[in-house]
Structures are given as C-alpha cells and as structure tokens.
Protein backbone atom coordinates (compact mmCIF):
# COMPACT_ATOMS: atom_id res chain seq x y z
CA MET A 1 0.00 0.00 0.00
CA PRO A 2 1.41 3.45 -0.86
CA THR A 3 1.68 6.29 1.65
CA ARG A 4 -1.29 8.65 1.39
CA ARG A 5 -1.27 12.24 2.64
CA LEU A 6 -4.31 14.41 3.27
CA TYR A 7 -4.19 18.20 3.08
CA ALA A 8 -6.72 20.95 3.77
CA HIS A 9 -6.89 23.37 0.84
CA VAL A 10 -8.33 26.80 1.76
CA HIS A 11 -10.16 28.23 -1.24
CA SER A 12 -9.83 31.91 -0.32
CA SER A 13 -6.06 31.93 0.18
CA GLY A 14 -4.99 28.92 -1.86
CA ASN A 15 -2.94 27.68 1.12
CA ARG A 16 -2.55 23.98 1.86
CA TYR A 17 -2.10 22.54 5.34
CA PRO A 18 -1.10 18.95 6.14
CA LEU A 19 -3.71 16.97 8.10
CA LEU A 20 -3.10 13.23 8.07
CA THR A 21 -0.70 10.63 6.74
CA LEU A 22 -1.80 7.04 6.20
CA HIS A 23 1.49 5.15 6.03
CA ALA A 24 2.23 2.06 3.95
CA ASP A 25 2.18 -0.10 7.11
CA GLY A 26 -1.40 1.03 7.91
CA SER A 27 -0.50 3.44 10.70
CA LEU A 28 -2.09 6.88 10.78
CA THR A 29 -0.33 10.03 11.97
CA ALA A 30 -1.40 13.64 12.26
CA ASP A 31 0.64 16.78 11.70
CA ASP A 32 -1.34 18.72 14.31
CA ASP A 33 -2.11 18.01 17.99
CA GLU A 34 -5.82 18.80 17.52
CA MET A 35 -6.03 16.38 14.59
CA ALA A 36 -4.32 13.70 16.71
CA ASP A 37 -7.01 14.24 19.36
CA ALA A 38 -9.70 13.94 16.68
CA ILE A 39 -8.22 10.63 15.52
CA ALA A 40 -8.31 9.29 19.07
CA GLY A 41 -11.89 10.47 19.47
CA LEU A 42 -13.03 8.78 16.26
CA ARG A 43 -11.37 5.55 17.35
CA ASP A 44 -12.89 5.68 20.83
CA THR A 45 -16.44 6.83 20.00
CA HIS A 46 -16.99 5.15 16.62
CA GLY A 47 -14.44 2.32 16.63
CA LEU A 48 -13.11 3.36 13.22
CA SER A 49 -9.96 1.87 11.70
CA ASN A 50 -7.09 4.06 10.50
CA GLU A 51 -8.18 3.75 6.87
CA ALA A 52 -11.82 4.52 7.76
CA ILE A 53 -10.71 7.64 9.67
CA PHE A 54 -8.63 8.74 6.67
CA HIS A 55 -11.62 8.33 4.32
CA TYR A 56 -13.96 10.03 6.79
CA MET A 57 -11.68 13.07 7.03
CA LYS A 58 -11.10 13.08 3.25
CA ASN A 59 -14.84 13.49 2.69
CA LYS A 60 -15.15 16.38 5.16
CA ALA A 61 -15.29 19.64 3.24
CA ASN A 62 -17.29 22.82 3.00
CA ALA A 63 -17.48 25.97 0.88
CA TYR A 64 -14.23 27.30 2.34
CA VAL A 65 -12.02 24.22 2.73
CA LYS A 66 -11.66 21.06 0.70
CA HIS A 67 -9.47 18.09 1.55
CA VAL A 68 -7.01 16.90 -1.07
CA GLU A 69 -5.24 13.53 -1.11
CA GLU A 70 -1.78 12.87 -2.51
CA ILE A 71 -0.44 9.35 -3.01
CA GLU A 72 3.26 8.57 -2.81
CA ASP A 73 4.41 5.41 -4.55
CA GLU A 74 7.05 3.51 -2.66
C-alpha cells in the first residue's frame, strides 16, 4: 500500500495545510495536535480503523475548505 497524505486546501487563500498521513504499514499520523485528538476520538467513540478515519476526514469539506489527497508510490 502506498503512503497517502491528506491536506486541507483553503479556497480563499490557496494555502494547503497537512492533516493526516496514512502510512504504507497502515499506521495513521497527524501533523497537528488537535487532529491527533480527533483521531483518538473517532477511534474511541466510533471504533473506526485508521483507513476509515482517513476516508472520513477526506470526505469532510465545505465551501471554504476542501481536503485533497496525494499518493506517494514507494
């Protein structure tokens, strides 16, 4: 499985911010402490796997921010 990175893309500024990385070994890491807390919360309250959390966050978007995935082949 390749490494997959998720970014938040802010429409108004064009800036991108790293959110999550789903590593080739299946582990999930966050680039922000608040995102790490959100991962723990999704695991605890919904019992989601790392891949399910990644997909859940990928589909979260609104008029101001969209989430963009990049895949790194290894």
